[in-house]
Amino acid sequence: MYPIASLPRQLSNPQVVLFGDSLFQGCADVSNGFSFQAALQAQVMRRLDVVNRGFSGYNTSNALSILPKVFAPPGSGVPELEYLFILFGANDAAVPLPTNFQHVPLGKYKANLTRIVNHPTITAHKPKTFIITPPPLDEIRVTVLDRGNGHPAAARRTKISTAYSQAAREVAAENPGVTLIDLHKALMDTAIAKTPGFDPKGRPALGDTEGGVRGYLEHLLPDGLHLSPESYRILYDLVRPHVGTEWAGTRDEERVGYALPDWRDAPWLEEDSHLRGKSL
């Protein structure tokens, strides 16, 4: 039983923050039948709040410039940052073009990611921090769409994007306490497994214009860059085991860890004892 005096004056759940580019901004969309953000929120309902801080088009330099506006230091009235998921790189990897200025050099991308995970405002909360690798790129599809949108060439290249995913892996490995979520590998493994007859050994990657084979990337990256609902579900399956481990597997997992008590344990039942055991 929760005594009334122990209840918070105002509910302020700890937060799971999704900090990234359009890949996180779009994860709230429910129009195609699956929403990563909604699935994650359902998993932590009444314990944590999932907060979307995805900014379409942003690179890691942009992220650093806005970080003080996105995150507040711990203090009175500031929700605790419990989990932080970082997904940047798809825009950093854009090639320099007269029509596109999102590019961040590979070394600076690594330095920026490192600065984000070690930013004093972030570390003051002591969150569980995760770096998600940018996904693969379907350069074949991207080339068609980019040329149609007025770019002189593809704004992104498969091999370059792959290098940025590897850089994200390295940053996660180089910073103690940071966990890697390898979305690039998970999506590419899925695409290879679902592309009949495709053997990746000694061949250009799926989506690379040199190989000319999109394969199952067509379904995972409909515009060559952004995630389909199937891809978001794959991402959720990667993230799910890391969130809520403190109550997972408990005897009464469905209600353990609630910020406010389950109705069966609510303090007002002491005042209305005649209702105990009855559904309201």
C-alpha atoms as a PDB file:
ATOM      1  CA  MET A   1       0.000   0.000   0.000  1.00  0.00           C
ATOM      2  CA  TYR A   2       1.260   3.479  -0.911  1.00  0.00           C
ATOM      3  CA  PRO A   3       0.709   6.060   1.871  1.00  0.00           C
ATOM      4  CA  ILE A   4      -0.820   9.238   0.509  1.00  0.00           C
ATOM      5  CA  ALA A   5       2.021  11.371   1.882  1.00  0.00           C
ATOM      6  CA  SER A   6       4.562   9.464  -0.225  1.00  0.00           C
ATOM      7  CA  LEU A   7       2.911  10.252  -3.540  1.00  0.00           C
ATOM      8  CA  PRO A   8       4.516  12.945  -5.721  1.00  0.00           C
ATOM      9  CA  ARG A   9       2.915  16.392  -5.624  1.00  0.00           C
ATOM     10  CA  GLN A  10       3.067  16.524  -9.402  1.00  0.00           C
ATOM     11  CA  LEU A  11       3.731  13.579 -11.701  1.00  0.00           C
ATOM     12  CA  SER A  12       7.052  13.861 -13.522  1.00  0.00           C
ATOM     13  CA  ASN A  13       8.135  10.539 -14.962  1.00  0.00           C
ATOM     14  CA  PRO A  14      11.766   9.914 -15.856  1.00  0.00           C
ATOM     15  CA  GLN A  15      12.328  10.194 -19.581  1.00  0.00           C
ATOM     16  CA  VAL A  16      13.475   8.136 -22.528  1.00  0.00           C
ATOM     17  CA  VAL A  17      14.720  10.727 -25.045  1.00  0.00           C
ATOM     18  CA  LEU A  18      15.093   9.969 -28.754  1.00  0.00           C
ATOM     19  CA  PHE A  19      17.657  12.510 -29.975  1.00  0.00           C
ATOM     20  CA  GLY A  20      18.321  12.423 -33.687  1.00  0.00           C
ATOM     21  CA  ASP A  21      17.380  13.474 -37.196  1.00  0.00           C
ATOM     22  CA  SER A  22      14.375  12.653 -39.394  1.00  0.00           C
ATOM     23  CA  LEU A  23      14.777   8.945 -38.630  1.00  0.00           C
ATOM     24  CA  PHE A  24      13.617   9.716 -35.098  1.00  0.00           C
ATOM     25  CA  GLN A  25      11.236  12.510 -36.084  1.00  0.00           C
ATOM     26  CA  GLY A  26       9.432  10.028 -38.334  1.00  0.00           C
ATOM     27  CA  CYS A  27       9.308   7.233 -35.774  1.00  0.00           C
ATOM     28  CA  ALA A  28       6.144   8.727 -34.262  1.00  0.00           C
ATOM     29  CA  ASP A  29       4.164   8.209 -37.476  1.00  0.00           C
ATOM     30  CA  VAL A  30       1.324   5.687 -37.136  1.00  0.00           C
ATOM     31  CA  SER A  31      -0.122   6.028 -40.629  1.00  0.00           C
ATOM     32  CA  ASN A  32       1.573   2.900 -41.990  1.00  0.00           C
ATOM     33  CA  GLY A  33       0.607   0.550 -39.198  1.00  0.00           C
ATOM     34  CA  PHE A  34       3.618   0.600 -36.848  1.00  0.00           C
ATOM     35  CA  SER A  35       5.122   3.377 -34.770  1.00  0.00           C
ATOM     36  CA  PHE A  36       8.473   2.825 -33.037  1.00  0.00           C
ATOM     37  CA  GLN A  37       7.778   5.590 -30.538  1.00  0.00           C
ATOM     38  CA  ALA A  38       4.292   4.314 -29.703  1.00  0.00           C
ATOM     39  CA  ALA A  39       5.581   0.758 -29.252  1.00  0.00           C
ATOM     40  CA  LEU A  40       8.327   1.949 -26.926  1.00  0.00           C
ATOM     41  CA  GLN A  41       5.925   4.161 -24.968  1.00  0.00           C
ATOM     42  CA  ALA A  42       3.519   1.238 -24.533  1.00  0.00           C
ATOM     43  CA  GLN A  43       6.387  -0.813 -23.135  1.00  0.00           C
ATOM     44  CA  VAL A  44       7.179   1.755 -20.425  1.00  0.00           C
ATOM     45  CA  MET A  45       3.698   3.181 -19.845  1.00  0.00           C
ATOM     46  CA  ARG A  46       3.212   4.719 -16.397  1.00  0.00           C
ATOM     47  CA  ARG A  47       6.908   4.366 -15.613  1.00  0.00           C
ATOM     48  CA  LEU A  48       8.742   6.497 -18.181  1.00  0.00           C
ATOM     49  CA  ASP A  49       7.838   9.138 -20.762  1.00  0.00           C
ATOM     50  CA  VAL A  50       9.204   8.669 -24.279  1.00  0.00           C
ATOM     51  CA  VAL A  51      10.148  12.108 -25.604  1.00  0.00           C
ATOM     52  CA  ASN A  52      10.803  12.603 -29.318  1.00  0.00           C
ATOM     53  CA  ARG A  53      13.567  15.065 -30.105  1.00  0.00           C
ATOM     54  CA  GLY A  54      14.064  14.187 -33.756  1.00  0.00           C
ATOM     55  CA  PHE A  55      14.977  17.062 -36.077  1.00  0.00           C
ATOM     56  CA  SER A  56      14.669  16.427 -39.792  1.00  0.00           C
ATOM     57  CA  GLY A  57      17.762  17.425 -41.761  1.00  0.00           C
ATOM     58  CA  TYR A  58      19.991  17.986 -38.726  1.00  0.00           C
ATOM     59  CA  ASN A  59      23.562  16.748 -38.533  1.00  0.00           C
ATOM     60  CA  THR A  60      25.724  16.351 -35.416  1.00  0.00           C
ATOM     61  CA  SER A  61      27.012  19.945 -35.612  1.00  0.00           C
ATOM     62  CA  ASN A  62      23.406  21.184 -35.580  1.00  0.00           C
ATOM     63  CA  ALA A  63      22.677  18.798 -32.700  1.00  0.00           C
ATOM     64  CA  LEU A  64      25.469  20.252 -30.585  1.00  0.00           C
ATOM     65  CA  SER A  65      24.257  23.791 -31.219  1.00  0.00           C
ATOM     66  CA  ILE A  66      20.733  23.034 -29.984  1.00  0.00           C
ATOM     67  CA  LEU A  67      21.629  20.597 -27.206  1.00  0.00           C
ATOM     68  CA  PRO A  68      21.364  23.210 -24.412  1.00  0.00           C
ATOM     69  CA  LYS A  69      17.829  24.016 -25.579  1.00  0.00           C
ATOM     70  CA  VAL A  70      16.817  20.342 -25.725  1.00  0.00           C
ATOM     71  CA  PHE A  71      18.241  19.169 -22.400  1.00  0.00           C
ATOM     72  CA  ALA A  72      18.158  20.919 -19.044  1.00  0.00           C
ATOM     73  CA  PRO A  73      20.572  20.188 -16.190  1.00  0.00           C
ATOM     74  CA  PRO A  74      19.117  18.172 -13.308  1.00  0.00           C
ATOM     75  CA  GLY A  75      17.151  20.311 -10.916  1.00  0.00           C
ATOM     76  CA  SER A  76      13.813  20.983  -9.322  1.00  0.00           C
ATOM     77  CA  GLY A  77      11.005  20.353 -11.791  1.00  0.00           C
ATOM     78  CA  VAL A  78      13.340  18.841 -14.403  1.00  0.00           C
ATOM     79  CA  PRO A  79      12.436  15.262 -15.362  1.00  0.00           C
ATOM     80  CA  GLU A  80      15.244  12.774 -14.908  1.00  0.00           C
ATOM     81  CA  LEU A  81      16.908  11.620 -18.130  1.00  0.00           C
ATOM     82  CA  GLU A  82      16.851   7.839 -17.666  1.00  0.00           C
ATOM     83  CA  TYR A  83      17.628   6.651 -21.211  1.00  0.00           C
ATOM     84  CA  LEU A  84      19.162   8.521 -24.132  1.00  0.00           C
ATOM     85  CA  PHE A  85      19.123   7.136 -27.676  1.00  0.00           C
ATOM     86  CA  ILE A  86      21.218   9.032 -30.229  1.00  0.00           C
ATOM     87  CA  LEU A  87      20.704   8.568 -33.967  1.00  0.00           C
ATOM     88  CA  PHE A  88      22.634  10.989 -36.162  1.00  0.00           C
ATOM     89  CA  GLY A  89      24.809  10.454 -39.217  1.00  0.00           C
ATOM     90  CA  ALA A  90      22.576  10.083 -42.258  1.00  0.00           C
ATOM     91  CA  ASN A  91      22.867  13.822 -42.908  1.00  0.00           C
ATOM     92  CA  ASP A  92      26.497  14.131 -41.825  1.00  0.00           C
ATOM     93  CA  ALA A  93      27.258  11.565 -44.545  1.00  0.00           C
ATOM     94  CA  ALA A  94      25.672  13.667 -47.306  1.00  0.00           C
ATOM     95  CA  VAL A  95      28.274  14.519 -49.940  1.00  0.00           C
ATOM     96  CA  PRO A  96      29.140  18.196 -50.517  1.00  0.00           C
ATOM     97  CA  LEU A  97      27.061  19.547 -53.395  1.00  0.00           C
ATOM     98  CA  PRO A  98      26.085  23.061 -54.488  1.00  0.00           C
ATOM     99  CA  THR A  99      22.522  22.069 -53.619  1.00  0.00           C
ATOM    100  CA  ASN A 100      23.225  20.455 -50.242  1.00  0.00           C
ATOM    101  CA  PHE A 101      25.228  21.670 -47.232  1.00  0.00           C
ATOM    102  CA  GLN A 102      24.513  18.987 -44.624  1.00  0.00           C
ATOM    103  CA  HIS A 103      27.918  17.280 -44.899  1.00  0.00           C
ATOM    104  CA  VAL A 104      30.115  16.918 -41.808  1.00  0.00           C
ATOM    105  CA  PRO A 105      33.584  15.388 -42.362  1.00  0.00           C
ATOM    106  CA  LEU A 106      33.989  11.904 -40.914  1.00  0.00           C
ATOM    107  CA  GLY A 107      36.506  12.909 -38.236  1.00  0.00           C
ATOM    108  CA  LYS A 108      34.352  15.804 -37.085  1.00  0.00           C
ATOM    109  CA  TYR A 109      31.303  13.516 -37.018  1.00  0.00           C
ATOM    110  CA  LYS A 110      33.113  11.224 -34.585  1.00  0.00           C
ATOM    111  CA  ALA A 111      34.231  14.183 -32.491  1.00  0.00           C
ATOM    112  CA  ASN A 112      30.693  15.597 -32.436  1.00  0.00           C
ATOM    113  CA  LEU A 113      29.173  12.290 -31.341  1.00  0.00           C
ATOM    114  CA  THR A 114      31.768  12.044 -28.608  1.00  0.00           C
ATOM    115  CA  ARG A 115      30.959  15.576 -27.437  1.00  0.00           C
ATOM    116  CA  ILE A 116      27.233  14.771 -27.351  1.00  0.00           C
ATOM    117  CA  VAL A 117      27.568  11.659 -25.178  1.00  0.00           C
ATOM    118  CA  ASN A 118      29.999  13.476 -22.851  1.00  0.00           C
ATOM    119  CA  HIS A 119      28.201  16.817 -22.705  1.00  0.00           C
ATOM    120  CA  PRO A 120      28.061  17.972 -19.050  1.00  0.00           C
ATOM    121  CA  THR A 121      24.309  18.493 -19.168  1.00  0.00           C
ATOM    122  CA  ILE A 122      23.855  14.922 -20.383  1.00  0.00           C
ATOM    123  CA  THR A 123      26.316  13.257 -18.022  1.00  0.00           C
ATOM    124  CA  ALA A 124      24.872  15.102 -15.019  1.00  0.00           C
ATOM    125  CA  HIS A 125      21.742  12.964 -15.406  1.00  0.00           C
ATOM    126  CA  LYS A 126      23.779   9.735 -15.580  1.00  0.00           C
ATOM    127  CA  PRO A 127      21.486   8.222 -18.234  1.00  0.00           C
ATOM    128  CA  LYS A 128      21.820   4.873 -19.914  1.00  0.00           C
ATOM    129  CA  THR A 129      23.185   6.099 -23.247  1.00  0.00           C
ATOM    130  CA  PHE A 130      22.909   4.379 -26.620  1.00  0.00           C
ATOM    131  CA  ILE A 131      24.371   5.233 -30.012  1.00  0.00           C
ATOM    132  CA  ILE A 132      22.393   3.870 -32.964  1.00  0.00           C
ATOM    133  CA  THR A 133      24.289   3.430 -36.217  1.00  0.00           C
ATOM    134  CA  PRO A 134      22.798   5.229 -39.217  1.00  0.00           C
ATOM    135  CA  PRO A 135      21.020   2.700 -41.450  1.00  0.00           C
ATOM    136  CA  PRO A 136      22.258   1.419 -44.812  1.00  0.00           C
ATOM    137  CA  LEU A 137      21.656   3.510 -47.903  1.00  0.00           C
ATOM    138  CA  ASP A 138      19.942   2.469 -51.125  1.00  0.00           C
ATOM    139  CA  GLU A 139      21.988   4.692 -53.417  1.00  0.00           C
ATOM    140  CA  ILE A 140      20.201   3.342 -56.482  1.00  0.00           C
ATOM    141  CA  ARG A 141      16.873   4.725 -55.265  1.00  0.00           C
ATOM    142  CA  VAL A 142      18.400   7.874 -53.776  1.00  0.00           C
ATOM    143  CA  THR A 143      20.075   8.757 -57.083  1.00  0.00           C
ATOM    144  CA  VAL A 144      16.773   8.719 -58.954  1.00  0.00           C
ATOM    145  CA  LEU A 145      14.976  10.814 -56.347  1.00  0.00           C
ATOM    146  CA  ASP A 146      17.814  13.294 -55.812  1.00  0.00           C
ATOM    147  CA  ARG A 147      18.203  13.987 -59.523  1.00  0.00           C
ATOM    148  CA  GLY A 148      14.439  14.438 -59.748  1.00  0.00           C
ATOM    149  CA  ASN A 149      14.639  16.973 -56.908  1.00  0.00           C
ATOM    150  CA  GLY A 150      17.213  19.106 -58.684  1.00  0.00           C
ATOM    151  CA  HIS A 151      20.494  17.787 -57.322  1.00  0.00           C
ATOM    152  CA  PRO A 152      23.247  17.315 -59.936  1.00  0.00           C
ATOM    153  CA  ALA A 153      24.030  13.879 -58.460  1.00  0.00           C
ATOM    154  CA  ALA A 154      23.096  11.650 -55.564  1.00  0.00           C
ATOM    155  CA  ALA A 155      23.439  13.553 -52.295  1.00  0.00           C
ATOM    156  CA  ARG A 156      24.465  10.353 -50.510  1.00  0.00           C
ATOM    157  CA  ARG A 157      26.641   7.378 -51.441  1.00  0.00           C
ATOM    158  CA  THR A 158      26.513   3.823 -50.131  1.00  0.00           C
ATOM    159  CA  LYS A 159      30.210   3.501 -49.308  1.00  0.00           C
ATOM    160  CA  ILE A 160      30.330   6.880 -47.563  1.00  0.00           C
ATOM    161  CA  SER A 161      27.247   6.158 -45.480  1.00  0.00           C
ATOM    162  CA  THR A 162      28.723   2.792 -44.492  1.00  0.00           C
ATOM    163  CA  ALA A 163      31.847   4.583 -43.232  1.00  0.00           C
ATOM    164  CA  TYR A 164      29.732   6.813 -40.979  1.00  0.00           C
ATOM    165  CA  SER A 165      27.972   3.783 -39.521  1.00  0.00           C
ATOM    166  CA  GLN A 166      31.375   2.307 -38.728  1.00  0.00           C
ATOM    167  CA  ALA A 167      32.410   5.586 -37.106  1.00  0.00           C
ATOM    168  CA  ALA A 168      29.334   5.421 -34.844  1.00  0.00           C
ATOM    169  CA  ARG A 169      30.399   1.913 -33.785  1.00  0.00           C
ATOM    170  CA  GLU A 170      33.844   3.232 -32.921  1.00  0.00           C
ATOM    171  CA  VAL A 171      32.490   6.100 -30.818  1.00  0.00           C
ATOM    172  CA  ALA A 172      30.298   3.686 -28.845  1.00  0.00           C
ATOM    173  CA  ALA A 173      33.294   1.406 -28.250  1.00  0.00           C
ATOM    174  CA  GLU A 174      35.566   4.289 -27.214  1.00  0.00           C
ATOM    175  CA  ASN A 175      33.217   5.752 -24.590  1.00  0.00           C
ATOM    176  CA  PRO A 176      32.641   3.702 -21.435  1.00  0.00           C
ATOM    177  CA  GLY A 177      28.997   3.312 -20.510  1.00  0.00           C
ATOM    178  CA  VAL A 178      27.737   3.837 -24.058  1.00  0.00           C
ATOM    179  CA  THR A 179      25.905   0.911 -25.665  1.00  0.00           C
ATOM    180  CA  LEU A 180      25.805   0.301 -29.417  1.00  0.00           C
ATOM    181  CA  ILE A 181      22.573  -0.426 -31.284  1.00  0.00           C
ATOM    182  CA  ASP A 182      23.728  -1.616 -34.726  1.00  0.00           C
ATOM    183  CA  LEU A 183      20.784  -0.721 -36.933  1.00  0.00           C
ATOM    184  CA  HIS A 184      22.939  -0.713 -40.075  1.00  0.00           C
ATOM    185  CA  LYS A 185      23.943  -4.346 -39.583  1.00  0.00           C
ATOM    186  CA  ALA A 186      20.451  -5.496 -38.602  1.00  0.00           C
ATOM    187  CA  LEU A 187      18.828  -3.954 -41.683  1.00  0.00           C
ATOM    188  CA  MET A 188      21.525  -5.122 -44.074  1.00  0.00           C
ATOM    189  CA  ASP A 189      21.426  -8.655 -42.652  1.00  0.00           C
ATOM    190  CA  THR A 190      17.647  -8.667 -43.132  1.00  0.00           C
ATOM    191  CA  ALA A 191      17.931  -7.338 -46.685  1.00  0.00           C
ATOM    192  CA  ILE A 192      20.538  -9.961 -47.629  1.00  0.00           C
ATOM    193  CA  ALA A 193      18.535 -12.794 -46.089  1.00  0.00           C
ATOM    194  CA  LYS A 194      15.409 -11.713 -47.991  1.00  0.00           C
ATOM    195  CA  THR A 195      17.100 -11.160 -51.370  1.00  0.00           C
ATOM    196  CA  PRO A 196      17.015 -14.542 -53.130  1.00  0.00           C
ATOM    197  CA  GLY A 197      20.295 -15.602 -54.673  1.00  0.00           C
ATOM    198  CA  PHE A 198      22.310 -12.643 -53.387  1.00  0.00           C
ATOM    199  CA  ASP A 199      25.743 -13.553 -52.005  1.00  0.00           C
ATOM    200  CA  PRO A 200      27.456 -10.508 -50.437  1.00  0.00           C
ATOM    201  CA  LYS A 201      30.941 -12.038 -50.587  1.00  0.00           C
ATOM    202  CA  GLY A 202      33.098 -10.190 -53.088  1.00  0.00           C
ATOM    203  CA  ARG A 203      30.200  -8.119 -54.406  1.00  0.00           C
ATOM    204  CA  PRO A 204      29.133  -4.496 -53.939  1.00  0.00           C
ATOM    205  CA  ALA A 205      26.586  -4.037 -51.187  1.00  0.00           C
ATOM    206  CA  LEU A 206      22.876  -4.054 -51.870  1.00  0.00           C
ATOM    207  CA  GLY A 207      21.847  -0.579 -52.988  1.00  0.00           C
ATOM    208  CA  ASP A 208      25.305   0.288 -54.321  1.00  0.00           C
ATOM    209  CA  THR A 209      25.135   1.628 -57.878  1.00  0.00           C
ATOM    210  CA  GLU A 210      28.221  -0.413 -58.753  1.00  0.00           C
ATOM    211  CA  GLY A 211      26.327  -3.638 -58.131  1.00  0.00           C
ATOM    212  CA  GLY A 212      22.972  -2.424 -59.384  1.00  0.00           C
ATOM    213  CA  VAL A 213      20.952  -4.629 -57.007  1.00  0.00           C
ATOM    214  CA  ARG A 214      18.501  -3.093 -54.551  1.00  0.00           C
ATOM    215  CA  GLY A 215      17.107  -6.380 -53.355  1.00  0.00           C
ATOM    216  CA  TYR A 216      15.019  -6.253 -50.196  1.00  0.00           C
ATOM    217  CA  LEU A 217      16.317  -2.771 -49.342  1.00  0.00           C
ATOM    218  CA  GLU A 218      13.439  -1.649 -51.555  1.00  0.00           C
ATOM    219  CA  HIS A 219      11.084  -2.657 -48.726  1.00  0.00           C
ATOM    220  CA  LEU A 220      13.247  -1.506 -45.812  1.00  0.00           C
ATOM    221  CA  LEU A 221      14.181   1.924 -47.242  1.00  0.00           C
ATOM    222  CA  PRO A 222      11.345   3.007 -49.553  1.00  0.00           C
ATOM    223  CA  ASP A 223      13.021   6.271 -50.591  1.00  0.00           C
ATOM    224  CA  GLY A 224      16.506   4.863 -50.175  1.00  0.00           C
ATOM    225  CA  LEU A 225      17.121   6.715 -46.902  1.00  0.00           C
ATOM    226  CA  HIS A 226      14.173   6.650 -44.500  1.00  0.00           C
ATOM    227  CA  LEU A 227      12.850   3.627 -42.642  1.00  0.00           C
ATOM    228  CA  SER A 228       9.756   1.651 -43.514  1.00  0.00           C
ATOM    229  CA  PRO A 229       7.466   0.332 -40.750  1.00  0.00           C
ATOM    230  CA  GLU A 230       9.254  -3.024 -41.071  1.00  0.00           C
ATOM    231  CA  SER A 231      12.590  -1.299 -40.446  1.00  0.00           C
ATOM    232  CA  TYR A 232      11.210   0.563 -37.438  1.00  0.00           C
ATOM    233  CA  ARG A 233       9.994  -2.755 -36.053  1.00  0.00           C
ATOM    234  CA  ILE A 234      13.510  -4.157 -36.468  1.00  0.00           C
ATOM    235  CA  LEU A 235      14.860  -1.121 -34.612  1.00  0.00           C
ATOM    236  CA  TYR A 236      12.314  -1.631 -31.839  1.00  0.00           C
ATOM    237  CA  ASP A 237      13.344  -5.269 -31.475  1.00  0.00           C
ATOM    238  CA  LEU A 238      16.941  -4.077 -31.013  1.00  0.00           C
ATOM    239  CA  VAL A 239      16.003  -1.440 -28.428  1.00  0.00           C
ATOM    240  CA  ARG A 240      13.339  -3.321 -26.472  1.00  0.00           C
ATOM    241  CA  PRO A 241      15.639  -5.589 -24.415  1.00  0.00           C
ATOM    242  CA  HIS A 242      17.577  -2.597 -23.078  1.00  0.00           C
ATOM    243  CA  VAL A 243      14.659  -0.621 -21.644  1.00  0.00           C
ATOM    244  CA  GLY A 244      12.825  -1.499 -18.459  1.00  0.00           C
ATOM    245  CA  THR A 245      15.171  -4.243 -17.300  1.00  0.00           C
ATOM    246  CA  GLU A 246      14.617  -3.063 -13.726  1.00  0.00           C
ATOM    247  CA  TRP A 247      11.086  -4.441 -13.692  1.00  0.00           C
ATOM    248  CA  ALA A 248      11.234  -7.077 -16.454  1.00  0.00           C
ATOM    249  CA  GLY A 249      10.817 -10.601 -15.150  1.00  0.00           C
ATOM    250  CA  THR A 250       9.440  -9.542 -11.782  1.00  0.00           C
ATOM    251  CA  ARG A 251       6.576 -11.443 -10.255  1.00  0.00           C
ATOM    252  CA  ASP A 252       4.078  -8.754 -11.144  1.00  0.00           C
ATOM    253  CA  GLU A 253       5.846  -7.221 -14.154  1.00  0.00           C
ATOM    254  CA  GLU A 254       2.764  -5.479 -15.516  1.00  0.00           C
ATOM    255  CA  ARG A 255       2.496  -3.134 -12.526  1.00  0.00           C
ATOM    256  CA  VAL A 256       5.966  -2.954 -10.962  1.00  0.00           C
ATOM    257  CA  GLY A 257       7.654   0.430 -11.211  1.00  0.00           C
ATOM    258  CA  TYR A 258       4.564   2.559 -11.736  1.00  0.00           C
ATOM    259  CA  ALA A 259       5.127   6.234 -10.944  1.00  0.00           C
ATOM    260  CA  LEU A 260       1.685   6.236  -9.298  1.00  0.00           C
ATOM    261  CA  PRO A 261       0.187   3.112  -7.704  1.00  0.00           C
ATOM    262  CA  ASP A 262      -1.944   0.530  -9.424  1.00  0.00           C
ATOM    263  CA  TRP A 263      -5.595   1.055  -8.582  1.00  0.00           C
ATOM    264  CA  ARG A 264      -5.551  -2.078  -6.384  1.00  0.00           C
ATOM    265  CA  ASP A 265      -2.908  -0.477  -4.150  1.00  0.00           C
ATOM    266  CA  ALA A 266      -4.193   3.091  -4.265  1.00  0.00           C
ATOM    267  CA  PRO A 267      -4.270   4.923  -0.905  1.00  0.00           C
ATOM    268  CA  TRP A 268      -7.849   6.078  -1.375  1.00  0.00           C
ATOM    269  CA  LEU A 269      -8.918   2.460  -0.896  1.00  0.00           C
ATOM    270  CA  GLU A 270      -8.060   2.946   2.774  1.00  0.00           C
ATOM    271  CA  GLU A 271     -10.765   5.563   2.898  1.00  0.00           C
ATOM    272  CA  ASP A 272     -13.194   3.498   0.821  1.00  0.00           C
ATOM    273  CA  SER A 273     -12.458   0.056   2.214  1.00  0.00           C
ATOM    274  CA  HIS A 274     -15.882  -1.171   1.185  1.00  0.00           C
ATOM    275  CA  LEU A 275     -14.653  -0.950  -2.437  1.00  0.00           C
ATOM    276  CA  ARG A 276     -11.599  -3.156  -1.842  1.00  0.00           C
ATOM    277  CA  GLY A 277     -11.578  -6.120  -4.180  1.00  0.00           C
ATOM    278  CA  LYS A 278     -14.219  -4.636  -6.465  1.00  0.00           C
ATOM    279  CA  SER A 279     -13.669  -3.261  -9.948  1.00  0.00           C
ATOM    280  CA  LEU A 280     -14.487   0.401 -10.354  1.00  0.00           C
END
